[in-house]
Amino acid sequence: MKDLYEIIYEFLDRKESFVLATILEKFGSAPREQGTKMIIEKDFSIIGTIGGGIFEAMAIKLASKVFQSGNSIVRDFSLTNEGASALGAACGGEVKLLLEYIDFNDNKMLEIYRKASEIKRKGINFTFVTKIPEEGKAIKGIDKWICTEIGFFGEENDTVQSIFGKIRENFKNTAFEKVNKDGEEYLIEPIFNHETVYILGAGHVAQKIVDITKMLDFKTVVLDDREEFSNRERFKNADEVKVIPCFDNLLNYIKVDCRSYIIIVTRGHAFDKDALAQMLKTDAKYIGMIGSKTKRDFVYECLMNEGYSVRDLEKVHCPIGLPISAQTPEEIAVSIAAELVKTRRALI
């Protein structure tokens, strides 16, 4: 699956304009996270998703106005409990959405996205900054900048240089946010090439895995449907700890791509099977499931009865971890972490 910035640059290089939708803010149980993006083409087909269902349909309808005017639109959407249920969320929430026209005729737009695509391919971390104009104005290529730890790309701008100076004070911990500077609003988007470990299940083994994956410089996210297990007190070293309604619709809560590592360590066969079924549909670099060969065979048989193939299941590391005769949670965590490193270094 191609990177978003590569896709955007390819559109512009082919002389195709489009609307780019970005979730600016999220409150409650809205379906996708801040920073999630979706491309809307002139025929209103889409690449990516900002949540599906009613919410996505409203965004596509608004995009027609953006195509007509060329101006950006910022809108608040409130999802009722009924609407949220249709999107797979437990209850209603609110999102603020930015829709901007990306014009292939804008040479500065082409240049900034060419540079973003190039930097991303090189694996360099950067922050993308966009000035959000007042209602009824267009976002142009001169309103976008790129900041790396040592470099700057875009039009010279004293205000933006001031923002970059602040970003570089704690570059690796830059957060997605909107800031107001000199009366103007700017969107700050960190684009980090983190390899992310998603641990599905928050038991004792998960606790030990987190301690090691953080030492190995993986971004580490823990998910569970039990708040008494999935909390910051138990997972002090995790980057994120999420409490989810259930193990259905996991992709509403996490972004899985070719730099993602999935560790399935839930509390039972049924949860493991449901989680695995969803992860098999992704581009995850690694999928591992804890359990014996007997458990594996049972889960695999269930999934094959649901239409998954042997080839699909060959992607899965189960029993999880390198074979070091691990028994304790600490030893199991070591074996799993070793398998992650082996995958990372492309030795499998």
Protein backbone atom coordinates (compact mmCIF):
# COMPACT_ATOMS: atom_id res chain seq x y z
CA MET A 1 0.00 0.00 0.00
CA LYS A 2 1.45 3.38 -1.03
CA ASP A 3 2.12 6.11 1.48
CA LEU A 4 -0.41 8.96 1.52
CA TYR A 5 2.17 11.60 0.59
CA GLU A 6 3.34 9.51 -2.34
CA ILE A 7 -0.27 9.19 -3.53
CA ILE A 8 -0.85 12.95 -3.23
CA TYR A 9 2.29 13.73 -5.19
CA GLU A 10 1.31 11.23 -7.91
CA PHE A 11 -2.09 12.94 -8.27
CA LEU A 12 -0.45 16.34 -8.69
CA ASP A 13 2.19 15.00 -11.05
CA ARG A 14 -0.60 13.53 -13.22
CA LYS A 15 -2.26 16.97 -13.19
CA GLU A 16 -5.25 15.81 -11.15
CA SER A 17 -6.76 18.05 -8.50
CA PHE A 18 -8.69 16.63 -5.54
CA VAL A 19 -10.10 17.44 -2.10
CA LEU A 20 -8.14 16.36 0.98
CA ALA A 21 -10.19 15.74 4.13
CA THR A 22 -8.44 15.80 7.53
CA ILE A 23 -9.91 15.19 10.99
CA LEU A 24 -8.72 18.20 13.01
CA GLU A 25 -10.35 17.36 16.32
CA LYS A 26 -12.19 14.41 17.82
CA PHE A 27 -14.37 14.21 20.93
CA GLY A 28 -16.13 11.16 22.32
CA SER A 29 -16.48 7.95 20.33
CA ALA A 30 -16.05 9.32 16.83
CA PRO A 31 -14.83 6.54 14.52
CA ARG A 32 -11.35 7.74 13.54
CA GLU A 33 -8.45 9.58 15.17
CA GLN A 34 -7.13 13.12 14.78
CA GLY A 35 -4.99 13.45 11.67
CA THR A 36 -6.83 10.75 9.70
CA LYS A 37 -7.02 11.76 6.04
CA MET A 38 -9.07 10.86 2.99
CA ILE A 39 -8.68 11.87 -0.66
CA ILE A 40 -11.89 12.72 -2.54
CA GLU A 41 -11.56 12.66 -6.31
CA LYS A 42 -13.59 14.71 -8.80
CA ASP A 43 -15.88 11.74 -9.47
CA PHE A 44 -16.34 11.54 -5.66
CA SER A 45 -14.56 8.22 -5.35
CA ILE A 46 -12.30 8.11 -2.30
CA ILE A 47 -8.91 6.86 -1.21
CA GLY A 48 -8.63 6.15 2.50
CA THR A 49 -11.41 6.62 5.03
CA ILE A 50 -12.33 9.02 7.82
CA GLY A 51 -14.87 6.65 9.36
CA GLY A 52 -17.34 5.51 6.73
CA GLY A 53 -21.12 5.70 6.81
CA ILE A 54 -23.04 8.93 7.36
CA PHE A 55 -20.00 10.95 8.40
CA GLU A 56 -18.06 10.11 5.25
CA ALA A 57 -21.11 10.76 3.08
CA MET A 58 -21.47 14.25 4.58
CA ALA A 59 -17.80 14.96 3.89
CA ILE A 60 -18.14 13.88 0.26
CA LYS A 61 -21.21 16.09 -0.14
CA LEU A 62 -19.28 19.08 1.24
CA ALA A 63 -16.40 18.30 -1.12
CA SER A 64 -18.59 19.29 -4.07
CA LYS A 65 -18.61 22.86 -2.70
CA VAL A 66 -14.84 22.81 -2.33
CA PHE A 67 -14.41 21.68 -5.94
CA GLN A 68 -16.67 24.50 -7.10
CA SER A 69 -15.04 27.31 -5.10
CA GLY A 70 -11.49 26.10 -4.55
CA ASN A 71 -11.79 27.34 -0.96
CA SER A 72 -11.23 25.33 2.19
CA ILE A 73 -14.06 24.42 4.56
CA VAL A 74 -13.85 23.63 8.28
CA ARG A 75 -16.98 22.00 9.73
CA ASP A 76 -18.07 20.48 13.02
CA PHE A 77 -19.99 17.23 12.85
CA SER A 78 -21.95 15.76 15.73
CA LEU A 79 -22.69 12.05 15.66
CA THR A 80 -25.82 11.01 17.53
CA ASN A 81 -25.86 7.65 19.29
CA GLU A 82 -27.90 6.28 16.39
CA GLY A 83 -25.46 7.60 13.79
CA ALA A 84 -22.47 6.41 15.78
CA SER A 85 -23.93 2.92 15.99
CA ALA A 86 -24.07 2.83 12.20
CA LEU A 87 -20.34 3.62 12.17
CA GLY A 88 -19.46 0.93 14.69
CA ALA A 89 -18.86 3.29 17.64
CA ALA A 90 -20.27 2.70 21.10
CA CYS A 91 -21.84 6.15 21.45
CA GLY A 92 -21.97 9.56 19.82
CA GLY A 93 -19.09 11.96 19.41
CA GLU A 94 -17.99 15.10 17.63
CA VAL A 95 -15.36 15.80 15.01
CA LYS A 96 -14.00 18.93 13.35
CA LEU A 97 -13.12 18.32 9.70
CA LEU A 98 -10.93 20.30 7.32
CA LEU A 99 -11.63 20.00 3.59
CA GLU A 100 -9.04 21.63 1.33
CA TYR A 101 -8.69 21.85 -2.44
CA ILE A 102 -5.35 20.51 -3.65
CA ASP A 103 -4.79 22.17 -7.03
CA PHE A 104 -2.38 20.65 -9.54
CA ASN A 105 -1.98 24.10 -11.16
CA ASP A 106 -0.34 25.36 -7.97
CA ASN A 107 3.39 24.77 -8.54
CA LYS A 108 4.23 25.44 -4.88
CA MET A 109 1.74 22.73 -3.89
CA LEU A 110 3.46 20.29 -6.23
CA GLU A 111 6.88 21.18 -4.84
CA ILE A 112 5.95 20.81 -1.17
CA TYR A 113 4.28 17.41 -1.69
CA ARG A 114 7.16 16.24 -3.87
CA LYS A 115 9.50 17.08 -1.02
CA ALA A 116 7.23 15.40 1.56
CA SER A 117 7.10 12.22 -0.54
CA GLU A 118 10.87 12.25 -0.99
CA ILE A 119 11.60 12.78 2.71
CA LYS A 120 9.09 10.10 3.71
CA ARG A 121 10.70 7.55 1.36
CA LYS A 122 14.08 8.25 2.95
CA GLY A 123 12.64 7.45 6.38
CA ILE A 124 13.31 10.94 7.74
CA ASN A 125 10.97 12.23 10.44
CA PHE A 126 9.36 15.58 9.69
CA THR A 127 6.56 17.91 10.69
CA PHE A 128 4.11 19.25 8.11
CA VAL A 129 2.68 22.71 8.87
CA THR A 130 -0.38 24.17 7.12
CA LYS A 131 -1.83 27.65 7.62
CA ILE A 132 -5.61 27.36 7.92
CA PRO A 133 -7.19 30.51 6.49
CA GLU A 134 -10.43 32.14 7.51
CA GLU A 135 -13.64 30.76 6.05
CA GLY A 136 -13.98 31.27 2.31
CA LYS A 137 -10.25 31.35 1.51
CA ALA A 138 -8.13 28.78 -0.30
CA ILE A 139 -5.14 26.91 1.13
CA LYS A 140 -2.30 27.25 -1.35
CA GLY A 141 1.14 25.72 -1.67
CA ILE A 142 2.71 28.82 -0.07
CA ASP A 143 0.64 28.01 3.04
CA LYS A 144 2.47 24.72 3.65
CA TRP A 145 5.90 24.04 5.14
CA ILE A 146 8.07 21.07 6.14
CA CYS A 147 10.32 21.00 9.19
CA THR A 148 12.88 18.25 9.86
CA GLU A 149 15.24 18.21 12.82
CA ILE A 150 17.76 20.21 10.78
CA GLY A 151 15.96 21.38 7.63
CA PHE A 152 13.22 23.74 6.45
CA PHE A 153 11.24 23.63 3.20
CA GLY A 154 8.67 26.13 1.96
CA GLU A 155 8.32 29.88 1.57
CA GLU A 156 10.35 32.00 4.00
CA ASN A 157 8.07 33.07 6.85
CA ASP A 158 9.12 34.52 10.21
CA THR A 159 6.02 33.26 12.01
CA VAL A 160 6.52 29.71 10.76
CA GLN A 161 10.22 29.85 11.65
CA SER A 162 9.13 30.72 15.19
CA ILE A 163 6.79 27.71 15.22
CA PHE A 164 9.59 25.46 13.93
CA GLY A 165 11.90 26.74 16.66
CA LYS A 166 9.36 25.58 19.24
CA ILE A 167 8.91 22.23 17.50
CA ARG A 168 12.65 21.54 17.50
CA GLU A 169 12.87 22.04 21.27
CA ASN A 170 11.18 18.64 21.67
CA PHE A 171 11.03 17.35 18.10
CA LYS A 172 10.43 13.65 18.78
CA ASN A 173 7.43 14.44 20.97
CA THR A 174 5.72 16.79 18.54
CA ALA A 175 1.94 16.35 18.78
CA PHE A 176 -0.79 16.77 16.19
CA GLU A 177 -2.41 20.09 17.09
CA LYS A 178 -3.66 23.47 15.96
CA VAL A 179 -1.80 26.52 17.22
CA ASN A 180 -2.61 30.22 17.01
CA LYS A 181 0.34 32.45 16.19
CA ASP A 182 0.18 36.16 15.42
CA GLY A 183 -3.56 35.90 14.84
CA GLU A 184 -3.24 33.05 12.33
CA GLU A 185 -4.15 29.39 12.84
CA TYR A 186 -1.65 26.67 11.91
CA LEU A 187 -2.07 22.90 11.78
CA ILE A 188 0.97 20.95 13.00
CA GLU A 189 1.19 17.33 11.80
CA PRO A 190 4.12 15.16 12.88
CA ILE A 191 4.98 12.61 10.18
CA PHE A 192 7.18 10.14 12.00
CA ASN A 193 8.40 6.88 10.55
CA HIS A 194 7.71 5.01 13.76
CA GLU A 195 7.29 1.29 13.56
CA THR A 196 4.28 0.70 15.77
CA VAL A 197 3.57 -2.32 17.92
CA TYR A 198 -0.13 -2.82 18.66
CA ILE A 199 -0.68 -5.15 21.61
CA LEU A 200 -4.24 -6.49 21.58
CA GLY A 201 -4.87 -7.55 25.16
CA ALA A 202 -3.64 -6.02 28.41
CA GLY A 203 -2.67 -8.99 30.57
CA HIS A 204 0.59 -9.86 32.34
CA VAL A 205 2.46 -10.80 29.15
CA ALA A 206 1.46 -7.48 27.54
CA GLN A 207 2.94 -5.60 30.50
CA LYS A 208 6.33 -7.25 30.01
CA ILE A 209 6.25 -6.81 26.22
CA VAL A 210 5.75 -3.03 26.55
CA ASP A 211 8.87 -2.63 28.66
CA ILE A 212 11.01 -4.29 25.99
CA THR A 213 9.44 -2.81 22.84
CA LYS A 214 9.98 0.70 24.17
CA MET A 215 13.67 -0.07 24.71
CA LEU A 216 13.77 -1.24 21.08
CA ASP A 217 12.34 2.12 19.93
CA PHE A 218 8.96 0.80 18.78
CA LYS A 219 5.97 3.06 19.29
CA THR A 220 3.82 0.86 21.53
CA VAL A 221 0.02 0.94 21.81
CA VAL A 222 -2.02 -1.29 24.14
CA LEU A 223 -5.74 -2.02 23.61
CA ASP A 224 -8.22 -3.92 25.75
CA ASP A 225 -11.93 -3.72 26.56
CA ARG A 226 -11.30 -3.85 30.32
CA GLU A 227 -10.46 -0.51 31.93
CA GLU A 228 -9.13 -2.22 35.06
CA PHE A 229 -6.44 -3.81 32.86
CA SER A 230 -5.92 -1.25 30.10
CA ASN A 231 -4.81 1.81 32.04
CA ARG A 232 -1.82 4.09 32.41
CA GLU A 233 -1.00 2.81 35.91
CA ARG A 234 -0.32 -0.70 34.57
CA PHE A 235 1.37 0.47 31.35
CA LYS A 236 3.52 3.43 32.31
CA ASN A 237 5.92 2.90 29.38
CA ALA A 238 3.33 2.56 26.61
CA ASP A 239 2.89 5.44 24.16
CA GLU A 240 -0.86 4.95 24.18
CA VAL A 241 -3.26 2.89 26.27
CA LYS A 242 -6.75 2.56 24.82
CA VAL A 243 -9.94 1.17 26.33
CA ILE A 244 -12.16 -0.05 23.50
CA PRO A 245 -15.82 -1.16 23.69
CA CYS A 246 -14.96 -4.64 22.38
CA PHE A 247 -12.58 -6.36 19.97
CA ASP A 248 -14.90 -5.71 17.01
CA ASN A 249 -14.09 -2.89 14.57
CA LEU A 250 -10.47 -2.61 15.74
CA LEU A 251 -9.52 -0.59 12.68
CA ASN A 252 -11.71 2.23 13.96
CA TYR A 253 -9.20 2.69 16.79
CA ILE A 254 -5.81 1.98 15.22
CA LYS A 255 -4.08 2.71 11.92
CA VAL A 256 -2.42 -0.46 10.64
CA ASP A 257 0.03 -0.20 7.74
CA CYS A 258 3.20 -1.84 6.46
CA ARG A 259 5.15 -0.50 9.46
CA SER A 260 2.78 -2.06 12.01
CA TYR A 261 3.45 -5.08 14.20
CA ILE A 262 0.43 -6.84 15.71
CA ILE A 263 0.69 -8.90 18.91
CA ILE A 264 -2.52 -10.75 19.80
CA VAL A 265 -2.57 -11.71 23.49
CA THR A 266 -6.22 -11.38 24.48
CA ARG A 267 -7.89 -13.40 27.21
CA GLY A 268 -9.51 -16.11 25.10
CA HIS A 269 -9.76 -18.05 21.84
CA ALA A 270 -12.84 -16.16 20.63
CA PHE A 271 -11.26 -12.72 21.11
CA ASP A 272 -8.03 -13.91 19.48
CA LYS A 273 -9.91 -15.27 16.48
CA ASP A 274 -11.91 -12.07 15.98
CA ALA A 275 -8.81 -9.89 16.31
CA LEU A 276 -6.80 -12.09 13.95
CA ALA A 277 -9.57 -12.09 11.32
CA GLN A 278 -9.46 -8.29 11.22
CA MET A 279 -5.66 -8.03 11.16
CA LEU A 280 -5.40 -10.50 8.25
CA LYS A 281 -7.13 -7.86 6.10
CA THR A 282 -4.39 -5.30 6.76
CA ASP A 283 -0.87 -4.68 5.44
CA ALA A 284 0.73 -5.32 8.84
CA LYS A 285 4.42 -6.21 8.66
CA TYR A 286 4.06 -8.75 11.48
CA ILE A 287 1.10 -10.58 13.01
CA GLY A 288 1.69 -12.84 16.00
CA MET A 289 -0.83 -14.71 18.15
CA ILE A 290 -0.09 -16.29 21.49
CA GLY A 291 -1.16 -19.87 22.11
CA SER A 292 -0.33 -23.52 21.69
CA LYS A 293 -0.38 -25.41 18.39
CA THR A 294 -3.70 -26.93 19.46
CA LYS A 295 -5.23 -23.50 19.98
CA ARG A 296 -3.71 -22.30 16.70
CA ASP A 297 -5.22 -25.22 14.76
CA PHE A 298 -8.65 -24.58 16.29
CA VAL A 299 -8.58 -20.85 15.46
CA TYR A 300 -7.24 -21.49 11.95
CA GLU A 301 -9.97 -24.04 11.23
CA CYS A 302 -12.65 -21.54 12.32
CA LEU A 303 -11.17 -18.84 10.09
CA MET A 304 -10.89 -21.15 7.08
CA ASN A 305 -14.56 -22.03 7.54
CA GLU A 306 -15.20 -18.27 7.30
CA GLY A 307 -13.39 -18.04 3.98
CA TYR A 308 -9.76 -17.30 4.91
CA SER A 309 -7.14 -19.22 2.97
CA VAL A 310 -4.03 -21.15 3.96
CA ARG A 311 -2.03 -18.38 2.31
CA ASP A 312 -3.69 -15.80 4.58
CA LEU A 313 -2.80 -17.81 7.67
CA GLU A 314 0.81 -18.28 6.59
CA LYS A 315 1.33 -14.61 7.52
CA VAL A 316 0.73 -15.41 11.19
CA HIS A 317 3.44 -16.25 13.72
CA CYS A 318 1.80 -18.78 16.03
CA PRO A 319 2.89 -19.95 18.49
CA ILE A 320 4.24 -16.43 18.84
CA GLY A 321 7.90 -15.68 19.55
CA LEU A 322 11.19 -17.39 18.80
CA PRO A 323 11.48 -20.95 20.21
CA ILE A 324 13.52 -20.43 23.39
CA SER A 325 11.38 -22.67 25.65
CA ALA A 326 9.95 -19.55 27.32
CA GLN A 327 7.62 -20.13 30.26
CA THR A 328 7.32 -16.98 32.40
CA PRO A 329 5.68 -13.75 31.15
CA GLU A 330 9.14 -12.16 31.08
CA GLU A 331 10.63 -14.98 29.00
CA ILE A 332 7.65 -14.96 26.62
CA ALA A 333 8.08 -11.20 26.18
CA VAL A 334 11.76 -11.70 25.33
CA SER A 335 10.92 -14.35 22.74
CA ILE A 336 8.27 -12.11 21.13
CA ALA A 337 10.53 -9.07 21.09
CA ALA A 338 13.29 -11.13 19.48
CA GLU A 339 10.88 -12.19 16.73
CA LEU A 340 9.93 -8.54 16.15
CA VAL A 341 13.59 -7.61 15.76
CA LYS A 342 14.13 -10.54 13.39
CA THR A 343 11.22 -9.30 11.27
CA ARG A 344 12.43 -5.70 11.44
CA ARG A 345 15.85 -6.75 10.13
CA ALA A 346 14.25 -8.81 7.34
CA LEU A 347 15.86 -12.08 8.35
CA ILE A 348 12.67 -14.16 8.27
